[in-house]
Amino acid sequence: LTGDEFYLPILVQARVKSLAECKNNFDKNYRIIAFTFNFVC
């Protein structure tokens, strides 16, 4: 929610890029999917 990078719990060091680092649509969609996964968990 603050736009920082965050980590996924299923992979070791699975860093999701911060909002400032997301340049293309794939990174933005991956960020939303990773957030949705964390929220559901």
Full PDB file with SEQRES, HELIX, SHEET, SSBOND, CRYST1, ORIGX, SCALE, CONECT and MASTER records, all heavy atoms in Angstrom:
SEQRES   1 A   41  LEU THR GLY ASP GLU PHE TYR LEU PRO ILE LEU VAL GLN          
SEQRES   2 A   41  ALA ARG VAL LYS SER LEU ALA GLU CYS LYS ASN ASN PHE          
SEQRES   3 A   41  ASP LYS ASN TYR ARG ILE ILE ALA PHE THR PHE ASN PHE          
SEQRES   4 A   41  VAL CYS                                                      
HELIX    1 AA1 ASN A   25  VAL A   40  1                                  16    
SHEET    1 AA1 2 PHE A   6  TYR A   7  0                                        
SHEET    2 AA1 2 ARG A  15  VAL A  16 -1                                        
CRYST1    1.000    1.000    1.000  90.00  90.00  90.00 P 1           1          
ORIGX1      1.000000  0.000000  0.000000        0.00000                         
ORIGX2      0.000000  1.000000  0.000000        0.00000                         
ORIGX3      0.000000  0.000000  1.000000        0.00000                         
SCALE1      1.000000  0.000000  0.000000        0.00000                         
SCALE2      0.000000  1.000000  0.000000        0.00000                         
SCALE3      0.000000  0.000000  1.000000        0.00000                         
ATOM      1  N   LEU A   1       0.808  -1.208   0.000  1.00  0.00           N  
ATOM      2  CA  LEU A   1       0.000   0.000   0.000  1.00  0.00           C  
ATOM      3  C   LEU A   1       0.847   1.267   0.000  1.00  0.00           C  
ATOM      4  O   LEU A   1       0.400   2.308  -0.493  1.00  0.00           O  
ATOM      5  CB  LEU A   1      -0.954  -0.007   1.190  1.00  0.00           C  
ATOM      6  CG  LEU A   1      -2.033  -1.091   1.159  1.00  0.00           C  
ATOM      7  CD1 LEU A   1      -2.847  -1.076   2.432  1.00  0.00           C  
ATOM      8  CD2 LEU A   1      -2.920  -0.928  -0.059  1.00  0.00           C  
ATOM      9  N   THR A   2       2.057   1.194   0.551  1.00  0.00           N  
ATOM     10  CA  THR A   2       2.940   2.364   0.535  1.00  0.00           C  
ATOM     11  C   THR A   2       3.807   2.421  -0.714  1.00  0.00           C  
ATOM     12  O   THR A   2       4.541   3.387  -0.901  1.00  0.00           O  
ATOM     13  CB  THR A   2       3.837   2.382   1.785  1.00  0.00           C  
ATOM     14  OG1 THR A   2       4.595   1.179   1.849  1.00  0.00           O  
ATOM     15  CG2 THR A   2       3.019   2.571   3.045  1.00  0.00           C  
ATOM     16  N   GLY A   3       3.762   1.416  -1.567  1.00  0.00           N  
ATOM     17  CA  GLY A   3       4.510   1.424  -2.816  1.00  0.00           C  
ATOM     18  C   GLY A   3       5.899   0.833  -2.709  1.00  0.00           C  
ATOM     19  O   GLY A   3       6.685   0.921  -3.649  1.00  0.00           O  
ATOM     20  N   ASP A   4       6.249   0.235  -1.586  1.00  0.00           N  
ATOM     21  CA  ASP A   4       7.571  -0.361  -1.402  1.00  0.00           C  
ATOM     22  C   ASP A   4       7.618  -1.757  -2.004  1.00  0.00           C  
ATOM     23  O   ASP A   4       6.599  -2.330  -2.381  1.00  0.00           O  
ATOM     24  CB  ASP A   4       7.917  -0.463   0.085  1.00  0.00           C  
ATOM     25  CG  ASP A   4       8.209   0.882   0.697  1.00  0.00           C  
ATOM     26  OD1 ASP A   4       8.453   1.835  -0.061  1.00  0.00           O  
ATOM     27  OD2 ASP A   4       8.190   0.976   1.935  1.00  0.00           O  
ATOM     28  N   GLU A   5       8.826  -2.312  -2.030  1.00  0.00           N  
ATOM     29  CA  GLU A   5       8.977  -3.710  -2.415  1.00  0.00           C  
ATOM     30  C   GLU A   5       8.524  -4.590  -1.253  1.00  0.00           C  
ATOM     31  O   GLU A   5       8.578  -4.186  -0.094  1.00  0.00           O  
ATOM     32  CB  GLU A   5      10.427  -4.015  -2.761  1.00  0.00           C  
ATOM     33  CG  GLU A   5      11.371  -3.901  -1.598  1.00  0.00           C  
ATOM     34  CD  GLU A   5      12.803  -4.169  -1.983  1.00  0.00           C  
ATOM     35  OE1 GLU A   5      13.150  -4.055  -3.162  1.00  0.00           O  
ATOM     36  OE2 GLU A   5      13.569  -4.499  -1.075  1.00  0.00           O  
ATOM     37  N   PHE A   6       8.045  -5.780  -1.574  1.00  0.00           N  
ATOM     38  CA  PHE A   6       7.654  -6.727  -0.536  1.00  0.00           C  
ATOM     39  C   PHE A   6       8.018  -8.126  -0.996  1.00  0.00           C  
ATOM     40  O   PHE A   6       8.420  -8.340  -2.132  1.00  0.00           O  
ATOM     41  CB  PHE A   6       6.168  -6.606  -0.180  1.00  0.00           C  
ATOM     42  CG  PHE A   6       5.218  -6.865  -1.314  1.00  0.00           C  
ATOM     43  CD1 PHE A   6       4.658  -8.112  -1.483  1.00  0.00           C  
ATOM     44  CD2 PHE A   6       4.872  -5.854  -2.192  1.00  0.00           C  
ATOM     45  CE1 PHE A   6       3.781  -8.358  -2.515  1.00  0.00           C  
ATOM     46  CE2 PHE A   6       3.996  -6.083  -3.228  1.00  0.00           C  
ATOM     47  CZ  PHE A   6       3.446  -7.336  -3.397  1.00  0.00           C  
ATOM     48  N   TYR A   7       7.897  -9.069  -0.095  1.00  0.00           N  
ATOM     49  CA  TYR A   7       8.353 -10.434  -0.353  1.00  0.00           C  
ATOM     50  C   TYR A   7       7.178 -11.397  -0.329  1.00  0.00           C  
ATOM     51  O   TYR A   7       6.217 -11.207   0.412  1.00  0.00           O  
ATOM     52  CB  TYR A   7       9.396 -10.849   0.687  1.00  0.00           C  
ATOM     53  CG  TYR A   7      10.673 -10.075   0.558  1.00  0.00           C  
ATOM     54  CD1 TYR A   7      10.851  -8.885   1.240  1.00  0.00           C  
ATOM     55  CD2 TYR A   7      11.690 -10.509  -0.272  1.00  0.00           C  
ATOM     56  CE1 TYR A   7      12.012  -8.148   1.108  1.00  0.00           C  
ATOM     57  CE2 TYR A   7      12.856  -9.788  -0.419  1.00  0.00           C  
ATOM     58  CZ  TYR A   7      13.010  -8.611   0.279  1.00  0.00           C  
ATOM     59  OH  TYR A   7      14.162  -7.880   0.138  1.00  0.00           O  
ATOM     60  N   LEU A   8       7.301 -12.450  -1.128  1.00  0.00           N  
ATOM     61  CA  LEU A   8       6.315 -13.527  -1.128  1.00  0.00           C  
ATOM     62  C   LEU A   8       6.757 -14.605  -0.154  1.00  0.00           C  
ATOM     63  O   LEU A   8       7.941 -14.921  -0.065  1.00  0.00           O  
ATOM     64  CB  LEU A   8       6.180 -14.129  -2.530  1.00  0.00           C  
ATOM     65  CG  LEU A   8       5.449 -13.270  -3.545  1.00  0.00           C  
ATOM     66  CD1 LEU A   8       5.546 -13.905  -4.916  1.00  0.00           C  
ATOM     67  CD2 LEU A   8       4.014 -13.093  -3.146  1.00  0.00           C  
ATOM     68  N   PRO A   9       5.833 -15.209   0.561  1.00  0.00           N  
ATOM     69  CA  PRO A   9       6.227 -16.203   1.561  1.00  0.00           C  
ATOM     70  C   PRO A   9       6.560 -17.573   0.991  1.00  0.00           C  
ATOM     71  O   PRO A   9       7.148 -18.391   1.676  1.00  0.00           O  
ATOM     72  CB  PRO A   9       4.989 -16.287   2.456  1.00  0.00           C  
ATOM     73  CG  PRO A   9       3.865 -15.953   1.547  1.00  0.00           C  
ATOM     74  CD  PRO A   9       4.413 -14.930   0.596  1.00  0.00           C  
ATOM     75  N   ILE A  10       6.220 -17.831  -0.261  1.00  0.00           N  
ATOM     76  CA  ILE A  10       6.389 -19.183  -0.785  1.00  0.00           C  
ATOM     77  C   ILE A  10       7.772 -19.439  -1.353  1.00  0.00           C  
ATOM     78  O   ILE A  10       8.176 -20.575  -1.495  1.00  0.00           O  
ATOM     79  CB  ILE A  10       5.325 -19.487  -1.862  1.00  0.00           C  
ATOM     80  CG1 ILE A  10       5.349 -18.418  -2.950  1.00  0.00           C  
ATOM     81  CG2 ILE A  10       3.953 -19.587  -1.246  1.00  0.00           C  
ATOM     82  CD1 ILE A  10       4.482 -18.718  -4.125  1.00  0.00           C  
ATOM     83  N   LEU A  11       8.502 -18.387  -1.683  1.00  0.00           N  
ATOM     84  CA  LEU A  11       9.829 -18.534  -2.263  1.00  0.00           C  
ATOM     85  C   LEU A  11      10.849 -17.792  -1.406  1.00  0.00           C  
ATOM     86  O   LEU A  11      10.552 -16.743  -0.853  1.00  0.00           O  
ATOM     87  CB  LEU A  11       9.865 -17.971  -3.685  1.00  0.00           C  
ATOM     88  CG  LEU A  11       8.925 -18.606  -4.693  1.00  0.00           C  
ATOM     89  CD1 LEU A  11       8.937 -17.820  -5.987  1.00  0.00           C  
ATOM     90  CD2 LEU A  11       9.329 -20.038  -4.953  1.00  0.00           C  
ATOM     91  N   VAL A  12      12.046 -18.331  -1.333  1.00  0.00           N  
ATOM     92  CA  VAL A  12      13.098 -17.663  -0.586  1.00  0.00           C  
ATOM     93  C   VAL A  12      13.578 -16.464  -1.401  1.00  0.00           C  
ATOM     94  O   VAL A  12      13.911 -16.592  -2.575  1.00  0.00           O  
ATOM     95  CB  VAL A  12      14.256 -18.648  -0.309  1.00  0.00           C  
ATOM     96  CG1 VAL A  12      15.394 -17.948   0.397  1.00  0.00           C  
ATOM     97  CG2 VAL A  12      13.757 -19.823   0.502  1.00  0.00           C  
ATOM     98  N   GLN A  13      13.585 -15.315  -0.772  1.00  0.00           N  
ATOM     99  CA  GLN A  13      14.015 -14.066  -1.409  1.00  0.00           C  
ATOM    100  C   GLN A  13      13.222 -13.747  -2.673  1.00  0.00           C  
ATOM    101  O   GLN A  13      13.785 -13.276  -3.653  1.00  0.00           O  
ATOM    102  CB  GLN A  13      15.518 -14.097  -1.707  1.00  0.00           C  
ATOM    103  CG  GLN A  13      16.387 -14.216  -0.489  1.00  0.00           C  
ATOM    104  CD  GLN A  13      16.262 -13.011   0.426  1.00  0.00           C  
ATOM    105  OE1 GLN A  13      16.139 -11.897  -0.025  1.00  0.00           O  
ATOM    106  NE2 GLN A  13      16.299 -13.248   1.714  1.00  0.00           N  
ATOM    107  N   ALA A  14      11.944 -14.015  -2.664  1.00  0.00           N  
ATOM    108  CA  ALA A  14      11.088 -13.689  -3.802  1.00  0.00           C  
ATOM    109  C   ALA A  14      10.617 -12.246  -3.642  1.00  0.00           C  
ATOM    110  O   ALA A  14       9.542 -11.975  -3.127  1.00  0.00           O  
ATOM    111  CB  ALA A  14       9.908 -14.638  -3.886  1.00  0.00           C  
ATOM    112  N   ARG A  15      11.438 -11.330  -4.086  1.00  0.00           N  
ATOM    113  CA  ARG A  15      11.154  -9.907  -3.934  1.00  0.00           C  
ATOM    114  C   ARG A  15      10.263  -9.432  -5.067  1.00  0.00           C  
ATOM    115  O   ARG A  15      10.521  -9.689  -6.238  1.00  0.00           O  
ATOM    116  CB  ARG A  15      12.456  -9.121  -3.943  1.00  0.00           C  
ATOM    117  CG  ARG A  15      12.294  -7.638  -3.746  1.00  0.00           C  
ATOM    118  CD  ARG A  15      13.626  -6.939  -3.788  1.00  0.00           C  
ATOM    119  NE  ARG A  15      14.127  -6.813  -5.144  1.00  0.00           N  
ATOM    120  CZ  ARG A  15      13.882  -5.770  -5.943  1.00  0.00           C  
ATOM    121  NH1 ARG A  15      13.147  -4.782  -5.506  1.00  0.00           N  
ATOM    122  NH2 ARG A  15      14.380  -5.731  -7.152  1.00  0.00           N  
ATOM    123  N   VAL A  16       9.212  -8.728  -4.695  1.00  0.00           N  
ATOM    124  CA  VAL A  16       8.348  -8.100  -5.676  1.00  0.00           C  
ATOM    125  C   VAL A  16       8.774  -6.639  -5.759  1.00  0.00           C  
ATOM    126  O   VAL A  16       8.924  -5.966  -4.746  1.00  0.00           O  
ATOM    127  CB  VAL A  16       6.861  -8.220  -5.268  1.00  0.00           C  
ATOM    128  CG1 VAL A  16       5.976  -7.526  -6.270  1.00  0.00           C  
ATOM    129  CG2 VAL A  16       6.479  -9.677  -5.134  1.00  0.00           C  
ATOM    130  N   LYS A  17       8.994  -6.146  -6.966  1.00  0.00           N  
ATOM    131  CA  LYS A  17       9.530  -4.807  -7.162  1.00  0.00           C  
ATOM    132  C   LYS A  17       8.627  -3.732  -6.568  1.00  0.00           C  
ATOM    133  O   LYS A  17       7.415  -3.899  -6.477  1.00  0.00           O  
ATOM    134  CB  LYS A  17       9.712  -4.532  -8.652  1.00  0.00           C  
ATOM    135  CG  LYS A  17      10.731  -5.406  -9.322  1.00  0.00           C  
ATOM    136  CD  LYS A  17      10.812  -5.083 -10.801  1.00  0.00           C  
ATOM    137  CE  LYS A  17      11.788  -5.999 -11.500  1.00  0.00           C  
ATOM    138  NZ  LYS A  17      11.837  -5.716 -12.944  1.00  0.00           N  
ATOM    139  N   SER A  18       9.247  -2.626  -6.195  1.00  0.00           N  
ATOM    140  CA  SER A  18       8.477  -1.489  -5.691  1.00  0.00           C  
ATOM    141  C   SER A  18       7.736  -0.832  -6.850  1.00  0.00           C  
ATOM    142  O   SER A  18       8.003  -1.095  -8.025  1.00  0.00           O  
ATOM    143  CB  SER A  18       9.393  -0.481  -5.006  1.00  0.00           C  
ATOM    144  OG  SER A  18      10.250   0.112  -5.950  1.00  0.00           O  
ATOM    145  N   LEU A  19       6.817   0.032  -6.512  1.00  0.00           N  
ATOM    146  CA  LEU A  19       6.006   0.691  -7.532  1.00  0.00           C  
ATOM    147  C   LEU A  19       6.858   1.573  -8.435  1.00  0.00           C  
ATOM    148  O   LEU A  19       6.597   1.685  -9.628  1.00  0.00           O  
ATOM    149  CB  LEU A  19       4.912   1.517  -6.853  1.00  0.00           C  
ATOM    150  CG  LEU A  19       3.748   1.972  -7.700  1.00  0.00           C  
ATOM    151  CD1 LEU A  19       3.080   0.788  -8.373  1.00  0.00           C  
ATOM    152  CD2 LEU A  19       2.755   2.737  -6.869  1.00  0.00           C  
ATOM    153  N   ALA A  20       7.914   2.161  -7.886  1.00  0.00           N  
ATOM    154  CA  ALA A  20       8.794   3.007  -8.691  1.00  0.00           C  
ATOM    155  C   ALA A  20       9.625   2.176  -9.676  1.00  0.00           C  
ATOM    156  O   ALA A  20      10.008   2.674 -10.736  1.00  0.00           O  
ATOM    157  CB  ALA A  20       9.721   3.801  -7.780  1.00  0.00           C  
ATOM    158  N   GLU A  21       9.905   0.923  -9.343  1.00  0.00           N  
ATOM    159  CA  GLU A  21      10.705   0.050 -10.217  1.00  0.00           C  
ATOM    160  C   GLU A  21       9.885  -0.618 -11.315  1.00  0.00           C  
ATOM    161  O   GLU A  21      10.451  -1.133 -12.274  1.00  0.00           O  
ATOM    162  CB  GLU A  21      11.394  -1.038  -9.397  1.00  0.00           C  
ATOM    163  CG  GLU A  21      12.463  -0.546  -8.467  1.00  0.00           C  
ATOM    164  CD  GLU A  21      13.025  -1.666  -7.622  1.00  0.00           C  
ATOM    165  OE1 GLU A  21      12.228  -2.469  -7.089  1.00  0.00           O  
ATOM    166  OE2 GLU A  21      14.257  -1.726  -7.502  1.00  0.00           O  
ATOM    167  N   CYS A  22       8.580  -0.643 -11.167  1.00  0.00           N  
ATOM    168  CA  CYS A  22       7.718  -1.298 -12.158  1.00  0.00           C  
ATOM    169  C   CYS A  22       7.640  -0.438 -13.410  1.00  0.00           C  
ATOM    170  O   CYS A  22       7.049   0.647 -13.393  1.00  0.00           O  
ATOM    171  CB  CYS A  22       6.321  -1.529 -11.590  1.00  0.00           C  
ATOM    172  SG  CYS A  22       6.260  -2.748 -10.295  1.00  0.00           S  
ATOM    173  N   LYS A  23       8.230  -0.920 -14.481  1.00  0.00           N  
ATOM    174  CA  LYS A  23       8.272  -0.160 -15.731  1.00  0.00           C  
ATOM    175  C   LYS A  23       7.259  -0.655 -16.763  1.00  0.00           C  
ATOM    176  O   LYS A  23       6.744   0.113 -17.543  1.00  0.00           O  
ATOM    177  CB  LYS A  23       9.679  -0.222 -16.344  1.00  0.00           C  
ATOM    178  CG  LYS A  23      10.759   0.308 -15.443  1.00  0.00           C  
ATOM    179  CD  LYS A  23      10.605   1.777 -15.201  1.00  0.00           C  
ATOM    180  CE  LYS A  23      11.748   2.272 -14.340  1.00  0.00           C  
ATOM    181  NZ  LYS A  23      11.464   3.500 -13.671  1.00  0.00           N  
ATOM    182  N   ASN A  24       6.994  -1.955 -16.763  1.00  0.00           N  
ATOM    183  CA  ASN A  24       6.086  -2.482 -17.784  1.00  0.00           C  
ATOM    184  C   ASN A  24       4.843  -3.079 -17.124  1.00  0.00           C  
ATOM    185  O   ASN A  24       4.734  -3.177 -15.913  1.00  0.00           O  
ATOM    186  CB  ASN A  24       6.796  -3.521 -18.669  1.00  0.00           C  
ATOM    187  CG  ASN A  24       7.418  -4.627 -17.851  1.00  0.00           C  
ATOM    188  OD1 ASN A  24       7.052  -4.833 -16.710  1.00  0.00           O  
ATOM    189  ND2 ASN A  24       8.365  -5.342 -18.439  1.00  0.00           N  
ATOM    190  N   ASN A  25       3.897  -3.463 -17.952  1.00  0.00           N  
ATOM    191  CA  ASN A  25       2.626  -3.986 -17.447  1.00  0.00           C  
ATOM    192  C   ASN A  25       2.784  -5.317 -16.735  1.00  0.00           C  
ATOM    193  O   ASN A  25       2.038  -5.615 -15.805  1.00  0.00           O  
ATOM    194  CB  ASN A  25       1.620  -4.119 -18.586  1.00  0.00           C  
ATOM    195  CG  ASN A  25       1.070  -2.779 -19.005  1.00  0.00           C  
ATOM    196  OD1 ASN A  25       1.083  -1.837 -18.224  1.00  0.00           O  
ATOM    197  ND2 ASN A  25       0.602  -2.699 -20.239  1.00  0.00           N  
ATOM    198  N   PHE A  26       3.743  -6.141 -17.182  1.00  0.00           N  
ATOM    199  CA  PHE A  26       3.950  -7.428 -16.535  1.00  0.00           C  
ATOM    200  C   PHE A  26       4.334  -7.245 -15.070  1.00  0.00           C  
ATOM    201  O   PHE A  26       3.798  -7.926 -14.189  1.00  0.00           O  
ATOM    202  CB  PHE A  26       5.026  -8.238 -17.255  1.00  0.00           C  
ATOM    203  CG  PHE A  26       5.343  -9.532 -16.565  1.00  0.00           C  
ATOM    204  CD1 PHE A  26       4.491 -10.620 -16.681  1.00  0.00           C  
ATOM    205  CD2 PHE A  26       6.474  -9.651 -15.774  1.00  0.00           C  
ATOM    206  CE1 PHE A  26       4.764 -11.811 -16.030  1.00  0.00           C  
ATOM    207  CE2 PHE A  26       6.758 -10.841 -15.120  1.00  0.00           C  
ATOM    208  CZ  PHE A  26       5.900 -11.923 -15.250  1.00  0.00           C  
ATOM    209  N   ASP A  27       5.253  -6.335 -14.791  1.00  0.00           N  
ATOM    210  CA  ASP A  27       5.668  -6.097 -13.411  1.00  0.00           C  
ATOM    211  C   ASP A  27       4.521  -5.558 -12.559  1.00  0.00           C  
ATOM    212  O   ASP A  27       4.367  -5.936 -11.402  1.00  0.00           O  
ATOM    213  CB  ASP A  27       6.849  -5.122 -13.361  1.00  0.00           C  
ATOM    214  CG  ASP A  27       8.125  -5.730 -13.908  1.00  0.00           C  
ATOM    215  OD1 ASP A  27       8.220  -6.976 -13.949  1.00  0.00           O  
ATOM    216  OD2 ASP A  27       9.027  -4.957 -14.294  1.00  0.00           O  
ATOM    217  N   LYS A  28       3.726  -4.672 -13.148  1.00  0.00           N  
ATOM    218  CA  LYS A  28       2.581  -4.122 -12.400  1.00  0.00           C  
ATOM    219  C   LYS A  28       1.542  -5.195 -12.116  1.00  0.00           C  
ATOM    220  O   LYS A  28       0.997  -5.274 -11.017  1.00  0.00           O  
ATOM    221  CB  LYS A  28       1.966  -2.962 -13.178  1.00  0.00           C  
ATOM    222  CG  LYS A  28       2.875  -1.754 -13.254  1.00  0.00           C  
ATOM    223  CD  LYS A  28       2.283  -0.659 -14.102  1.00  0.00           C  
ATOM    224  CE  LYS A  28       3.270   0.488 -14.221  1.00  0.00           C  
ATOM    225  NZ  LYS A  28       2.785   1.536 -15.105  1.00  0.00           N  
ATOM    226  N   ASN A  29       1.270  -6.047 -13.110  1.00  0.00           N  
ATOM    227  CA  ASN A  29       0.305  -7.134 -12.901  1.00  0.00           C  
ATOM    228  C   ASN A  29       0.837  -8.166 -11.908  1.00  0.00           C  
ATOM    229  O   ASN A  29       0.082  -8.687 -11.083  1.00  0.00           O  
ATOM    230  CB  ASN A  29      -0.035  -7.803 -14.228  1.00  0.00           C  
ATOM    231  CG  ASN A  29      -0.854  -6.912 -15.124  1.00  0.00           C  
ATOM    232  OD1 ASN A  29      -1.517  -5.988 -14.658  1.00  0.00           O  
ATOM    233  ND2 ASN A  29      -0.801  -7.166 -16.414  1.00  0.00           N  
ATOM    234  N   TYR A  30       2.127  -8.468 -11.998  1.00  0.00           N  
ATOM    235  CA  TYR A  30       2.746  -9.400 -11.052  1.00  0.00           C  
ATOM    236  C   TYR A  30       2.656  -8.860  -9.632  1.00  0.00           C  
ATOM    237  O   TYR A  30       2.406  -9.603  -8.686  1.00  0.00           O  
ATOM    238  CB  TYR A  30       4.202  -9.651 -11.446  1.00  0.00           C  
ATOM    239  CG  TYR A  30       4.926 -10.626 -10.548  1.00  0.00           C  
ATOM    240  CD1 TYR A  30       4.596 -11.973 -10.561  1.00  0.00           C  
ATOM    241  CD2 TYR A  30       5.922 -10.193  -9.687  1.00  0.00           C  
ATOM    242  CE1 TYR A  30       5.252 -12.871  -9.744  1.00  0.00           C  
ATOM    243  CE2 TYR A  30       6.582 -11.078  -8.860  1.00  0.00           C  
ATOM    244  CZ  TYR A  30       6.248 -12.413  -8.893  1.00  0.00           C  
ATOM    245  OH  TYR A  30       6.898 -13.294  -8.079  1.00  0.00           O  
ATOM    246  N   ARG A  31       2.832  -7.572  -9.484  1.00  0.00           N  
ATOM    247  CA  ARG A  31       2.738  -6.927  -8.170  1.00  0.00           C  
ATOM    248  C   ARG A  31       1.324  -7.057  -7.602  1.00  0.00           C  
ATOM    249  O   ARG A  31       1.138  -7.372  -6.437  1.00  0.00           O  
ATOM    250  CB  ARG A  31       3.150  -5.467  -8.317  1.00  0.00           C  
ATOM    251  CG  ARG A  31       3.181  -4.686  -7.053  1.00  0.00           C  
ATOM    252  CD  ARG A  31       3.724  -3.287  -7.318  1.00  0.00           C  
ATOM    253  NE  ARG A  31       3.449  -2.411  -6.219  1.00  0.00           N  
ATOM    254  CZ  ARG A  31       4.167  -2.361  -5.109  1.00  0.00           C  
ATOM    255  NH1 ARG A  31       5.206  -3.124  -4.986  1.00  0.00           N  
ATOM    256  NH2 ARG A  31       3.826  -1.550  -4.136  1.00  0.00           N  
ATOM    257  N   ILE A  32       0.324  -6.851  -8.445  1.00  0.00           N  
ATOM    258  CA  ILE A  32      -1.072  -6.960  -7.996  1.00  0.00           C  
ATOM    259  C   ILE A  32      -1.416  -8.408  -7.662  1.00  0.00           C  
ATOM    260  O   ILE A  32      -2.091  -8.679  -6.663  1.00  0.00           O  
ATOM    261  CB  ILE A  32      -2.018  -6.376  -9.067  1.00  0.00           C  
ATOM    262  CG1 ILE A  32      -1.819  -4.864  -9.150  1.00  0.00           C  
ATOM    263  CG2 ILE A  32      -3.465  -6.716  -8.768  1.00  0.00           C  
ATOM    264  CD1 ILE A  32      -2.534  -4.203 -10.295  1.00  0.00           C  
ATOM    265  N   ILE A  33      -0.955  -9.352  -8.467  1.00  0.00           N  
ATOM    266  CA  ILE A  33      -1.219 -10.768  -8.197  1.00  0.00           C  
ATOM    267  C   ILE A  33      -0.535 -11.214  -6.907  1.00  0.00           C  
ATOM    268  O   ILE A  33      -1.124 -11.936  -6.100  1.00  0.00           O  
ATOM    269  CB  ILE A  33      -0.789 -11.637  -9.401  1.00  0.00           C  
ATOM    270  CG1 ILE A  33      -1.730 -11.385 -10.577  1.00  0.00           C  
ATOM    271  CG2 ILE A  33      -0.758 -13.110  -9.047  1.00  0.00           C  
ATOM    272  CD1 ILE A  33      -1.278 -11.991 -11.877  1.00  0.00           C  
ATOM    273  N   ALA A  34       0.695 -10.769  -6.684  1.00  0.00           N  
ATOM    274  CA  ALA A  34       1.410 -11.116  -5.456  1.00  0.00           C  
ATOM    275  C   ALA A  34       0.718 -10.519  -4.244  1.00  0.00           C  
ATOM    276  O   ALA A  34       0.602 -11.172  -3.195  1.00  0.00           O  
ATOM    277  CB  ALA A  34       2.853 -10.640  -5.537  1.00  0.00           C  
ATOM    278  N   PHE A  35       0.223  -9.291  -4.358  1.00  0.00           N  
ATOM    279  CA  PHE A  35      -0.526  -8.682  -3.259  1.00  0.00           C  
ATOM    280  C   PHE A  35      -1.806  -9.458  -2.981  1.00  0.00           C  
ATOM    281  O   PHE A  35      -2.148  -9.709  -1.817  1.00  0.00           O  
ATOM    282  CB  PHE A  35      -0.861  -7.226  -3.579  1.00  0.00           C  
ATOM    283  CG  PHE A  35      -1.886  -6.648  -2.652  1.00  0.00           C  
ATOM    284  CD1 PHE A  35      -1.541  -6.309  -1.355  1.00  0.00           C  
ATOM    285  CD2 PHE A  35      -3.189  -6.443  -3.062  1.00  0.00           C  
ATOM    286  CE1 PHE A  35      -2.478  -5.783  -0.481  1.00  0.00           C  
ATOM    287  CE2 PHE A  35      -4.131  -5.922  -2.203  1.00  0.00           C  
ATOM    288  CZ  PHE A  35      -3.781  -5.586  -0.913  1.00  0.00           C  
ATOM    289  N   THR A  36      -2.501  -9.850  -4.039  1.00  0.00           N  
ATOM    290  CA  THR A  36      -3.733 -10.621  -3.871  1.00  0.00           C  
ATOM    291  C   THR A  36      -3.451 -11.949  -3.175  1.00  0.00           C  
ATOM    292  O   THR A  36      -4.207 -12.365  -2.288  1.00  0.00           O  
ATOM    293  CB  THR A  36      -4.400 -10.858  -5.232  1.00  0.00           C  
ATOM    294  OG1 THR A  36      -4.595  -9.598  -5.872  1.00  0.00           O  
ATOM    295  CG2 THR A  36      -5.725 -11.573  -5.084  1.00  0.00           C  
ATOM    296  N   PHE A  37      -2.353 -12.603  -3.547  1.00  0.00           N  
ATOM    297  CA  PHE A  37      -1.966 -13.855  -2.896  1.00  0.00           C  
ATOM    298  C   PHE A  37      -1.687 -13.628  -1.410  1.00  0.00           C  
ATOM    299  O   PHE A  37      -2.163 -14.383  -0.558  1.00  0.00           O  
ATOM    300  CB  PHE A  37      -0.734 -14.440  -3.586  1.00  0.00           C  
ATOM    301  CG  PHE A  37      -0.213 -15.676  -2.918  1.00  0.00           C  
ATOM    302  CD1 PHE A  37      -0.853 -16.886  -3.098  1.00  0.00           C  
ATOM    303  CD2 PHE A  37       0.899 -15.614  -2.098  1.00  0.00           C  
ATOM    304  CE1 PHE A  37      -0.388 -18.033  -2.468  1.00  0.00           C  
ATOM    305  CE2 PHE A  37       1.373 -16.750  -1.471  1.00  0.00           C  
ATOM    306  CZ  PHE A  37       0.731 -17.960  -1.651  1.00  0.00           C  
ATOM    307  N   ASN A  38      -0.929 -12.583  -1.084  1.00  0.00           N  
ATOM    308  CA  ASN A  38      -0.648 -12.286   0.320  1.00  0.00           C  
ATOM    309  C   ASN A  38      -1.924 -11.954   1.090  1.00  0.00           C  
ATOM    310  O   ASN A  38      -2.089 -12.361   2.242  1.00  0.00           O  
ATOM    311  CB  ASN A  38       0.347 -11.130   0.444  1.00  0.00           C  
ATOM    312  CG  ASN A  38       1.769 -11.565   0.269  1.00  0.00           C  
ATOM    313  OD1 ASN A  38       2.070 -12.751   0.312  1.00  0.00           O  
ATOM    314  ND2 ASN A  38       2.648 -10.623   0.062  1.00  0.00           N  
ATOM    315  N   PHE A  39      -2.825 -11.223   0.461  1.00  0.00           N  
ATOM    316  CA  PHE A  39      -4.070 -10.842   1.122  1.00  0.00           C  
ATOM    317  C   PHE A  39      -4.951 -12.061   1.391  1.00  0.00           C  
ATOM    318  O   PHE A  39      -5.517 -12.200   2.478  1.00  0.00           O  
ATOM    319  CB  PHE A  39      -4.818  -9.817   0.259  1.00  0.00           C  
ATOM    320  CG  PHE A  39      -6.001  -9.214   0.942  1.00  0.00           C  
ATOM    321  CD1 PHE A  39      -5.836  -8.280   1.943  1.00  0.00           C  
ATOM    322  CD2 PHE A  39      -7.284  -9.584   0.578  1.00  0.00           C  
ATOM    323  CE1 PHE A  39      -6.940  -7.721   2.576  1.00  0.00           C  
ATOM    324  CE2 PHE A  39      -8.385  -9.037   1.205  1.00  0.00           C  
ATOM    325  CZ  PHE A  39      -8.210  -8.099   2.218  1.00  0.00           C  
ATOM    326  N   VAL A  40      -5.055 -12.948   0.420  1.00  0.00           N  
ATOM    327  CA  VAL A  40      -5.863 -14.167   0.599  1.00  0.00           C  
ATOM    328  C   VAL A  40      -5.248 -15.062   1.680  1.00  0.00           C  
ATOM    329  O   VAL A  40      -5.965 -15.630   2.512  1.00  0.00           O  
ATOM    330  CB  VAL A  40      -6.022 -14.912  -0.745  1.00  0.00           C  
ATOM    331  CG1 VAL A  40      -6.599 -16.296  -0.552  1.00  0.00           C  
ATOM    332  CG2 VAL A  40      -6.894 -14.104  -1.693  1.00  0.00           C  
ATOM    333  N   CYS A  41      -3.921 -15.180   1.685  1.00  0.00           N  
ATOM    334  CA  CYS A  41      -3.256 -15.967   2.730  1.00  0.00           C  
ATOM    335  C   CYS A  41      -3.480 -15.349   4.111  1.00  0.00           C  
ATOM    336  O   CYS A  41      -3.656 -16.064   5.093  1.00  0.00           O  
ATOM    337  CB  CYS A  41      -1.766 -16.087   2.443  1.00  0.00           C  
ATOM    338  SG  CYS A  41      -1.390 -17.181   1.073  1.00  0.00           S  
TER     339      CYS A  41                                                      
MASTER        0    0    0    1    2    0    0    6  338    1    0    4          
END                                                                             
